């Protein structure tokens, strides 16, 4: 491992209906969030062997985020799943 990043992993939602009040938006795109997680992905895309240390909830949002990190070749073995905790949105 070349780099190990420590910090937040979050789940970002972006409204796809620009100009509408948030309460009326029906379509969102989902993305990896958290500066640390995005830095880890960027470094992996540059060819570095990268790991991340973080905690997320034991929930469906975390499942998506961990699958995304692994697909981007980020070593997520040090990400702790915390039952009863909600992944940051």
PDB file of N, CA and C in Angstrom:
ATOM      1  N   UNK A   1       0.860  -1.176   0.000  1.00  0.00           N
ATOM      2  CA  UNK A   1       0.000   0.000   0.000  1.00  0.00           C
ATOM      3  C   UNK A   1       0.904   1.237   0.000  1.00  0.00           C
ATOM      4  N   UNK A   2       0.665   2.146  -0.943  1.00  0.00           N
ATOM      5  CA  UNK A   2       1.435   3.391  -1.033  1.00  0.00           C
ATOM      6  C   UNK A   2       0.903   4.457  -0.079  1.00  0.00           C
ATOM      7  N   UNK A   3      -0.413   4.537   0.019  1.00  0.00           N
ATOM      8  CA  UNK A   3      -1.065   5.605   0.787  1.00  0.00           C
ATOM      9  C   UNK A   3      -2.246   5.020   1.549  1.00  0.00           C
ATOM     10  N   UNK A   4      -2.416   5.453   2.792  1.00  0.00           N
ATOM     11  CA  UNK A   4      -3.607   5.096   3.558  1.00  0.00           C
ATOM     12  C   UNK A   4      -4.285   6.397   3.991  1.00  0.00           C
ATOM     13  N   UNK A   5      -5.515   6.570   3.592  1.00  0.00           N
ATOM     14  CA  UNK A   5      -6.273   7.789   3.873  1.00  0.00           C
ATOM     15  C   UNK A   5      -7.186   7.526   5.068  1.00  0.00           C
ATOM     16  N   UNK A   6      -7.255   8.475   5.974  1.00  0.00           N
ATOM     17  CA  UNK A   6      -8.109   8.370   7.158  1.00  0.00           C
ATOM     18  C   UNK A   6      -9.142   9.481   7.104  1.00  0.00           C
ATOM     19  N   UNK A   7     -10.426   9.117   7.172  1.00  0.00           N
ATOM     20  CA  UNK A   7     -11.455  10.156   7.172  1.00  0.00           C
ATOM     21  C   UNK A   7     -12.819   9.632   6.772  1.00  0.00           C
ATOM     22  N   UNK A   8     -13.678  10.563   6.474  1.00  0.00           N
ATOM     23  CA  UNK A   8     -15.100  10.304   6.261  1.00  0.00           C
ATOM     24  C   UNK A   8     -15.407   9.708   4.886  1.00  0.00           C
ATOM     25  N   UNK A   9     -16.315   8.745   4.901  1.00  0.00           N
ATOM     26  CA  UNK A   9     -16.946   8.236   3.682  1.00  0.00           C
ATOM     27  C   UNK A   9     -18.414   8.612   3.793  1.00  0.00           C
ATOM     28  N   UNK A  10     -18.947   9.257   2.800  1.00  0.00           N
ATOM     29  CA  UNK A  10     -20.351   9.663   2.826  1.00  0.00           C
ATOM     30  C   UNK A  10     -21.050   9.314   1.531  1.00  0.00           C
ATOM     31  N   UNK A  11     -22.336   9.512   1.536  1.00  0.00           N
ATOM     32  CA  UNK A  11     -23.205   9.223   0.396  1.00  0.00           C
ATOM     33  C   UNK A  11     -23.809  10.548  -0.033  1.00  0.00           C
ATOM     34  N   UNK A  12     -23.468  10.994  -1.237  1.00  0.00           N
ATOM     35  CA  UNK A  12     -23.969  12.276  -1.738  1.00  0.00           C
ATOM     36  C   UNK A  12     -25.118  12.070  -2.715  1.00  0.00           C
ATOM     37  N   UNK A  13     -26.141  12.878  -2.575  1.00  0.00           N
ATOM     38  CA  UNK A  13     -27.263  12.900  -3.517  1.00  0.00           C
ATOM     39  C   UNK A  13     -27.310  14.270  -4.175  1.00  0.00           C
ATOM     40  N   UNK A  14     -27.402  14.281  -5.501  1.00  0.00           N
ATOM     41  CA  UNK A  14     -27.489  15.536  -6.247  1.00  0.00           C
ATOM     42  C   UNK A  14     -28.822  15.592  -6.981  1.00  0.00           C
ATOM     43  N   UNK A  15     -29.538  16.691  -6.798  1.00  0.00           N
ATOM     44  CA  UNK A  15     -30.821  16.875  -7.481  1.00  0.00           C
ATOM     45  C   UNK A  15     -30.587  16.965  -8.981  1.00  0.00           C
ATOM     46  N   UNK A  16     -31.370  16.236  -9.745  1.00  0.00           N
ATOM     47  CA  UNK A  16     -31.238  16.234 -11.203  1.00  0.00           C
ATOM     48  C   UNK A  16     -32.243  17.164 -11.874  1.00  0.00           C
ATOM     49  N   UNK A  17     -33.082  17.806 -11.083  1.00  0.00           N
ATOM     50  CA  UNK A  17     -34.088  18.730 -11.616  1.00  0.00           C
ATOM     51  C   UNK A  17     -33.746  20.128 -11.115  1.00  0.00           C
ATOM     52  N   UNK A  18     -32.848  20.759 -11.804  1.00  0.00           N
ATOM     53  CA  UNK A  18     -32.345  22.067 -11.392  1.00  0.00           C
ATOM     54  C   UNK A  18     -33.434  23.131 -11.477  1.00  0.00           C
ATOM     55  N   UNK A  19     -33.447  24.006 -10.493  1.00  0.00           N
ATOM     56  CA  UNK A  19     -34.417  25.090 -10.472  1.00  0.00           C
ATOM     57  C   UNK A  19     -35.707  24.759  -9.739  1.00  0.00           C
ATOM     58  N   UNK A  20     -35.889  23.496  -9.346  1.00  0.00           N
ATOM     59  CA  UNK A  20     -37.090  23.115  -8.596  1.00  0.00           C
ATOM     60  C   UNK A  20     -36.781  23.145  -7.109  1.00  0.00           C
ATOM     61  N   UNK A  21     -37.763  23.473  -6.285  1.00  0.00           N
ATOM     62  CA  UNK A  21     -37.552  23.397  -4.837  1.00  0.00           C
ATOM     63  C   UNK A  21     -37.198  21.962  -4.435  1.00  0.00           C
ATOM     64  N   UNK A  22     -36.314  21.830  -3.488  1.00  0.00           N
ATOM     65  CA  UNK A  22     -35.835  20.510  -3.087  1.00  0.00           C
ATOM     66  C   UNK A  22     -36.974  19.560  -2.730  1.00  0.00           C
ATOM     67  N   UNK A  23     -38.004  20.052  -2.082  1.00  0.00           N
ATOM     68  CA  UNK A  23     -39.130  19.208  -1.706  1.00  0.00           C
ATOM     69  C   UNK A  23     -39.908  18.644  -2.881  1.00  0.00           C
ATOM     70  N   UNK A  24     -39.724  19.217  -4.070  1.00  0.00           N
ATOM     71  CA  UNK A  24     -40.428  18.751  -5.272  1.00  0.00           C
ATOM     72  C   UNK A  24     -39.560  17.899  -6.190  1.00  0.00           C
ATOM     73  N   UNK A  25     -38.280  17.807  -5.905  1.00  0.00           N
ATOM     74  CA  UNK A  25     -37.372  17.043  -6.760  1.00  0.00           C
ATOM     75  C   UNK A  25     -37.644  15.552  -6.597  1.00  0.00           C
ATOM     76  N   UNK A  26     -37.737  14.848  -7.723  1.00  0.00           N
ATOM     77  CA  UNK A  26     -38.000  13.415  -7.710  1.00  0.00           C
ATOM     78  C   UNK A  26     -36.817  12.587  -8.195  1.00  0.00           C
ATOM     79  N   UNK A  27     -35.870  13.201  -8.883  1.00  0.00           N
ATOM     80  CA  UNK A  27     -34.749  12.457  -9.454  1.00  0.00           C
ATOM     81  C   UNK A  27     -33.421  12.985  -8.912  1.00  0.00           C
ATOM     82  N   UNK A  28     -32.640  12.063  -8.387  1.00  0.00           N
ATOM     83  CA  UNK A  28     -31.334  12.381  -7.818  1.00  0.00           C
ATOM     84  C   UNK A  28     -30.292  11.445  -8.414  1.00  0.00           C
ATOM     85  N   UNK A  29     -29.060  11.897  -8.449  1.00  0.00           N
ATOM     86  CA  UNK A  29     -27.952  10.998  -8.777  1.00  0.00           C
ATOM     87  C   UNK A  29     -27.183  10.747  -7.486  1.00  0.00           C
ATOM     88  N   UNK A  30     -26.624   9.572  -7.363  1.00  0.00           N
ATOM     89  CA  UNK A  30     -25.897   9.219  -6.146  1.00  0.00           C
ATOM     90  C   UNK A  30     -24.408   9.126  -6.449  1.00  0.00           C
ATOM     91  N   UNK A  31     -23.616   9.531  -5.455  1.00  0.00           N
ATOM     92  CA  UNK A  31     -22.167   9.563  -5.635  1.00  0.00           C
ATOM     93  C   UNK A  31     -21.467   9.296  -4.309  1.00  0.00           C
ATOM     94  N   UNK A  32     -20.233   8.868  -4.419  1.00  0.00           N
ATOM     95  CA  UNK A  32     -19.373   8.765  -3.251  1.00  0.00           C
ATOM     96  C   UNK A  32     -19.155  10.155  -2.696  1.00  0.00           C
ATOM     97  N   UNK A  33     -19.218  10.299  -1.385  1.00  0.00           N
ATOM     98  CA  UNK A  33     -18.983  11.584  -0.750  1.00  0.00           C
ATOM     99  C   UNK A  33     -17.912  11.480   0.318  1.00  0.00           C
ATOM    100  N   UNK A  34     -17.498  12.626   0.790  1.00  0.00           N
ATOM    101  CA  UNK A  34     -16.446  12.695   1.796  1.00  0.00           C
ATOM    102  C   UNK A  34     -15.113  12.983   1.138  1.00  0.00           C
ATOM    103  N   UNK A  35     -14.453  14.026   1.595  1.00  0.00           N
ATOM    104  CA  UNK A  35     -13.172  14.424   0.994  1.00  0.00           C
ATOM    105  C   UNK A  35     -12.169  13.283   1.006  1.00  0.00           C
ATOM    106  N   UNK A  36     -12.063  12.599   2.120  1.00  0.00           N
ATOM    107  CA  UNK A  36     -11.079  11.518   2.235  1.00  0.00           C
ATOM    108  C   UNK A  36     -11.358  10.397   1.242  1.00  0.00           C
ATOM    109  N   UNK A  37     -12.605  10.013   1.119  1.00  0.00           N
ATOM    110  CA  UNK A  37     -12.966   8.951   0.183  1.00  0.00           C
ATOM    111  C   UNK A  37     -12.674   9.370  -1.253  1.00  0.00           C
ATOM    112  N   UNK A  38     -12.979  10.610  -1.587  1.00  0.00           N
ATOM    113  CA  UNK A  38     -12.715  11.087  -2.945  1.00  0.00           C
ATOM    114  C   UNK A  38     -11.218  11.198  -3.225  1.00  0.00           C
ATOM    115  N   UNK A  39     -10.430  11.575  -2.232  1.00  0.00           N
ATOM    116  CA  UNK A  39      -8.973  11.610  -2.399  1.00  0.00           C
ATOM    117  C   UNK A  39      -8.445  10.196  -2.626  1.00  0.00           C
ATOM    118  N   UNK A  40      -8.955   9.229  -1.871  1.00  0.00           N
ATOM    119  CA  UNK A  40      -8.525   7.841  -2.042  1.00  0.00           C
ATOM    120  C   UNK A  40      -8.812   7.355  -3.458  1.00  0.00           C
ATOM    121  N   UNK A  41      -9.992   7.638  -3.975  1.00  0.00           N
ATOM    122  CA  UNK A  41     -10.340   7.230  -5.339  1.00  0.00           C
ATOM    123  C   UNK A  41      -9.435   7.925  -6.351  1.00  0.00           C
ATOM    124  N   UNK A  42      -9.211   9.214  -6.166  1.00  0.00           N
ATOM    125  CA  UNK A  42      -8.343   9.946  -7.089  1.00  0.00           C
ATOM    126  C   UNK A  42      -6.934   9.370  -7.127  1.00  0.00           C
ATOM    127  N   UNK A  43      -6.385   9.056  -5.966  1.00  0.00           N
ATOM    128  CA  UNK A  43      -5.045   8.471  -5.917  1.00  0.00           C
ATOM    129  C   UNK A  43      -5.017   7.092  -6.571  1.00  0.00           C
ATOM    130  N   UNK A  44      -6.060   6.297  -6.345  1.00  0.00           N
ATOM    131  CA  UNK A  44      -6.138   4.978  -6.980  1.00  0.00           C
ATOM    132  C   UNK A  44      -6.205   5.119  -8.496  1.00  0.00           C
ATOM    133  N   UNK A  45      -6.956   6.088  -8.984  1.00  0.00           N
ATOM    134  CA  UNK A  45      -7.044   6.307 -10.429  1.00  0.00           C
ATOM    135  C   UNK A  45      -5.713   6.758 -11.022  1.00  0.00           C
ATOM    136  N   UNK A  46      -4.868   7.360 -10.191  1.00  0.00           N
ATOM    137  CA  UNK A  46      -3.528   7.763 -10.635  1.00  0.00           C
ATOM    138  C   UNK A  46      -2.526   6.608 -10.557  1.00  0.00           C
ATOM    139  N   UNK A  47      -3.004   5.451 -10.105  1.00  0.00           N
ATOM    140  CA  UNK A  47      -2.159   4.265 -10.096  1.00  0.00           C
ATOM    141  C   UNK A  47      -1.525   3.911  -8.766  1.00  0.00           C
ATOM    142  N   UNK A  48      -1.862   4.621  -7.710  1.00  0.00           N
ATOM    143  CA  UNK A  48      -1.315   4.318  -6.385  1.00  0.00           C
ATOM    144  C   UNK A  48      -2.113   3.199  -5.718  1.00  0.00           C
ATOM    145  N   UNK A  49      -1.431   2.421  -4.891  1.00  0.00           N
ATOM    146  CA  UNK A  49      -2.102   1.419  -4.062  1.00  0.00           C
ATOM    147  C   UNK A  49      -2.606   2.155  -2.823  1.00  0.00           C
ATOM    148  N   UNK A  50      -3.927   2.239  -2.680  1.00  0.00           N
ATOM    149  CA  UNK A  50      -4.541   3.095  -1.660  1.00  0.00           C
ATOM    150  C   UNK A  50      -5.478   2.287  -0.772  1.00  0.00           C
ATOM    151  N   UNK A  51      -5.437   2.598   0.508  1.00  0.00           N
ATOM    152  CA  UNK A  51      -6.397   2.067   1.462  1.00  0.00           C
ATOM    153  C   UNK A  51      -7.085   3.218   2.166  1.00  0.00           C
ATOM    154  N   UNK A  52      -8.209   2.916   2.797  1.00  0.00           N
ATOM    155  CA  UNK A  52      -8.934   3.938   3.549  1.00  0.00           C
ATOM    156  C   UNK A  52      -9.336   3.373   4.906  1.00  0.00           C
ATOM    157  N   UNK A  53      -9.228   4.213   5.925  1.00  0.00           N
ATOM    158  CA  UNK A  53      -9.666   3.877   7.284  1.00  0.00           C
ATOM    159  C   UNK A  53     -10.848   4.779   7.608  1.00  0.00           C
ATOM    160  N   UNK A  54     -11.987   4.167   7.944  1.00  0.00           N
ATOM    161  CA  UNK A  54     -13.184   4.955   8.221  1.00  0.00           C
ATOM    162  C   UNK A  54     -14.208   4.075   8.922  1.00  0.00           C
ATOM    163  N   UNK A  55     -15.332   4.667   9.253  1.00  0.00           N
ATOM    164  CA  UNK A  55     -16.484   3.938   9.794  1.00  0.00           C
ATOM    165  C   UNK A  55     -17.728   4.361   9.038  1.00  0.00           C
ATOM    166  N   UNK A  56     -18.599   3.411   8.799  1.00  0.00           N
ATOM    167  CA  UNK A  56     -19.892   3.676   8.164  1.00  0.00           C
ATOM    168  C   UNK A  56     -20.943   2.837   8.875  1.00  0.00           C
ATOM    169  N   UNK A  57     -22.190   3.145   8.641  1.00  0.00           N
ATOM    170  CA  UNK A  57     -23.254   2.338   9.205  1.00  0.00           C
ATOM    171  C   UNK A  57     -23.327   0.985   8.518  1.00  0.00           C
ATOM    172  N   UNK A  58     -23.892   0.025   9.191  1.00  0.00           N
ATOM    173  CA  UNK A  58     -24.123  -1.292   8.596  1.00  0.00           C
ATOM    174  C   UNK A  58     -25.463  -1.221   7.872  1.00  0.00           C
ATOM    175  N   UNK A  59     -25.467  -0.563   6.706  1.00  0.00           N
ATOM    176  CA  UNK A  59     -26.720  -0.317   5.990  1.00  0.00           C
ATOM    177  C   UNK A  59     -26.515  -0.386   4.476  1.00  0.00           C
ATOM    178  N   UNK A  60     -27.590  -0.214   3.735  1.00  0.00           N
ATOM    179  CA  UNK A  60     -27.542  -0.318   2.272  1.00  0.00           C
ATOM    180  C   UNK A  60     -26.682   0.773   1.643  1.00  0.00           C
ATOM    181  N   UNK A  61     -26.640   1.954   2.251  1.00  0.00           N
ATOM    182  CA  UNK A  61     -25.790   3.019   1.717  1.00  0.00           C
ATOM    183  C   UNK A  61     -24.326   2.594   1.778  1.00  0.00           C
ATOM    184  N   UNK A  62     -23.933   2.004   2.886  1.00  0.00           N
ATOM    185  CA  UNK A  62     -22.556   1.526   3.033  1.00  0.00           C
ATOM    186  C   UNK A  62     -22.246   0.436   2.017  1.00  0.00           C
ATOM    187  N   UNK A  63     -23.201  -0.449   1.757  1.00  0.00           N
ATOM    188  CA  UNK A  63     -22.989  -1.503   0.760  1.00  0.00           C
ATOM    189  C   UNK A  63     -22.637  -0.895  -0.592  1.00  0.00           C
ATOM    190  N   UNK A  64     -23.383   0.123  -1.000  1.00  0.00           N
ATOM    191  CA  UNK A  64     -23.114   0.801  -2.275  1.00  0.00           C
ATOM    192  C   UNK A  64     -21.730   1.446  -2.263  1.00  0.00           C
ATOM    193  N   UNK A  65     -21.414   2.172  -1.187  1.00  0.00           N
ATOM    194  CA  UNK A  65     -20.145   2.898  -1.111  1.00  0.00           C
ATOM    195  C   UNK A  65     -18.949   1.950  -1.098  1.00  0.00           C
ATOM    196  N   UNK A  66     -19.027   0.875  -0.352  1.00  0.00           N
ATOM    197  CA  UNK A  66     -17.921  -0.078  -0.303  1.00  0.00           C
ATOM    198  C   UNK A  66     -17.730  -0.772  -1.644  1.00  0.00           C
ATOM    199  N   UNK A  67     -18.816  -1.104  -2.313  1.00  0.00           N
ATOM    200  CA  UNK A  67     -18.705  -1.700  -3.649  1.00  0.00           C
ATOM    201  C   UNK A  67     -18.052  -0.714  -4.617  1.00  0.00           C
ATOM    202  N   UNK A  68     -18.420   0.559  -4.512  1.00  0.00           N
ATOM    203  CA  UNK A  68     -17.826   1.586  -5.373  1.00  0.00           C
ATOM    204  C   UNK A  68     -16.330   1.700  -5.103  1.00  0.00           C
ATOM    205  N   UNK A  69     -15.943   1.771  -3.832  1.00  0.00           N
ATOM    206  CA  UNK A  69     -14.520   1.875  -3.490  1.00  0.00           C
ATOM    207  C   UNK A  69     -13.738   0.674  -4.012  1.00  0.00           C
ATOM    208  N   UNK A  70     -14.277  -0.503  -3.836  1.00  0.00           N
ATOM    209  CA  UNK A  70     -13.584  -1.709  -4.313  1.00  0.00           C
ATOM    210  C   UNK A  70     -13.473  -1.722  -5.833  1.00  0.00           C
ATOM    211  N   UNK A  71     -14.513  -1.277  -6.519  1.00  0.00           N
ATOM    212  CA  UNK A  71     -14.462  -1.201  -7.985  1.00  0.00           C
ATOM    213  C   UNK A  71     -13.395  -0.212  -8.449  1.00  0.00           C
ATOM    214  N   UNK A  72     -13.122   0.789  -7.632  1.00  0.00           N
ATOM    215  CA  UNK A  72     -12.091   1.789  -7.948  1.00  0.00           C
ATOM    216  C   UNK A  72     -10.712   1.361  -7.441  1.00  0.00           C
ATOM    217  N   UNK A  73     -10.612   0.129  -6.943  1.00  0.00           N
ATOM    218  CA  UNK A  73      -9.341  -0.431  -6.458  1.00  0.00           C
ATOM    219  C   UNK A  73      -8.826   0.236  -5.186  1.00  0.00           C
ATOM    220  N   UNK A  74      -9.742   0.710  -4.349  1.00  0.00           N
ATOM    221  CA  UNK A  74      -9.374   1.241  -3.036  1.00  0.00           C
ATOM    222  C   UNK A  74      -9.562   0.112  -2.023  1.00  0.00           C
ATOM    223  N   UNK A  75      -8.533  -0.178  -1.262  1.00  0.00           N
ATOM    224  CA  UNK A  75      -8.583  -1.224  -0.244  1.00  0.00           C
ATOM    225  C   UNK A  75      -9.446  -0.734   0.923  1.00  0.00           C
ATOM    226  N   UNK A  76     -10.599  -1.351   1.096  1.00  0.00           N
ATOM    227  CA  UNK A  76     -11.556  -0.908   2.117  1.00  0.00           C
ATOM    228  C   UNK A  76     -11.617  -1.862   3.309  1.00  0.00           C
ATOM    229  N   UNK A  77     -10.600  -2.686   3.482  1.00  0.00           N
ATOM    230  CA  UNK A  77     -10.648  -3.666   4.578  1.00  0.00           C
ATOM    231  C   UNK A  77     -10.620  -3.029   5.963  1.00  0.00           C
ATOM    232  N   UNK A  78     -10.185  -1.757   6.048  1.00  0.00           N
ATOM    233  CA  UNK A  78     -10.139  -1.069   7.333  1.00  0.00           C
ATOM    234  C   UNK A  78     -11.340  -0.145   7.549  1.00  0.00           C
ATOM    235  N   UNK A  79     -12.378  -0.351   6.770  1.00  0.00           N
ATOM    236  CA  UNK A  79     -13.626   0.395   6.973  1.00  0.00           C
ATOM    237  C   UNK A  79     -14.494  -0.430   7.920  1.00  0.00           C
ATOM    238  N   UNK A  80     -14.845   0.160   9.024  1.00  0.00           N
ATOM    239  CA  UNK A  80     -15.633  -0.530  10.057  1.00  0.00           C
ATOM    240  C   UNK A  80     -17.116  -0.292   9.824  1.00  0.00           C
ATOM    241  N   UNK A  81     -17.887  -1.372   9.800  1.00  0.00           N
ATOM    242  CA  UNK A  81     -19.347  -1.288   9.716  1.00  0.00           C
ATOM    243  C   UNK A  81     -19.896  -1.256  11.137  1.00  0.00           C
ATOM    244  N   UNK A  82     -20.655  -0.220  11.453  1.00  0.00           N
ATOM    245  CA  UNK A  82     -21.155  -0.035  12.815  1.00  0.00           C
ATOM    246  C   UNK A  82     -22.669  -0.265  12.848  1.00  0.00           C
ATOM    247  N   UNK A  83     -23.120  -1.375  13.428  1.00  0.00           N
ATOM    248  CA  UNK A  83     -24.557  -1.618  13.548  1.00  0.00           C
ATOM    249  C   UNK A  83     -25.227  -0.506  14.365  1.00  0.00           C
ATOM    250  N   UNK A  84     -26.397  -0.090  13.924  1.00  0.00           N
ATOM    251  CA  UNK A  84     -27.144   0.946  14.625  1.00  0.00           C
ATOM    252  C   UNK A  84     -26.720   2.361  14.284  1.00  0.00           C
ATOM    253  N   UNK A  85     -25.712   2.510  13.456  1.00  0.00           N
ATOM    254  CA  UNK A  85     -25.224   3.822  13.028  1.00  0.00           C
ATOM    255  C   UNK A  85     -25.630   4.023  11.576  1.00  0.00           C
ATOM    256  N   UNK A  86     -26.062   5.221  11.221  1.00  0.00           N
ATOM    257  CA  UNK A  86     -26.439   5.508   9.840  1.00  0.00           C
ATOM    258  C   UNK A  86     -25.259   6.093   9.078  1.00  0.00           C
ATOM    259  N   UNK A  87     -25.012   5.580   7.888  1.00  0.00           N
ATOM    260  CA  UNK A  87     -23.976   6.138   7.027  1.00  0.00           C
ATOM    261  C   UNK A  87     -24.322   7.586   6.718  1.00  0.00           C
ATOM    262  N   UNK A  88     -23.312   8.449   6.715  1.00  0.00           N
ATOM    263  CA  UNK A  88     -23.520   9.886   6.461  1.00  0.00           C
ATOM    264  C   UNK A  88     -24.135  10.114   5.093  1.00  0.00           C
ATOM    265  N   UNK A  89     -25.116  10.991   5.066  1.00  0.00           N
ATOM    266  CA  UNK A  89     -25.798  11.341   3.819  1.00  0.00           C
ATOM    267  C   UNK A  89     -25.568  12.803   3.550  1.00  0.00           C
TER     268      UNK A  89
END
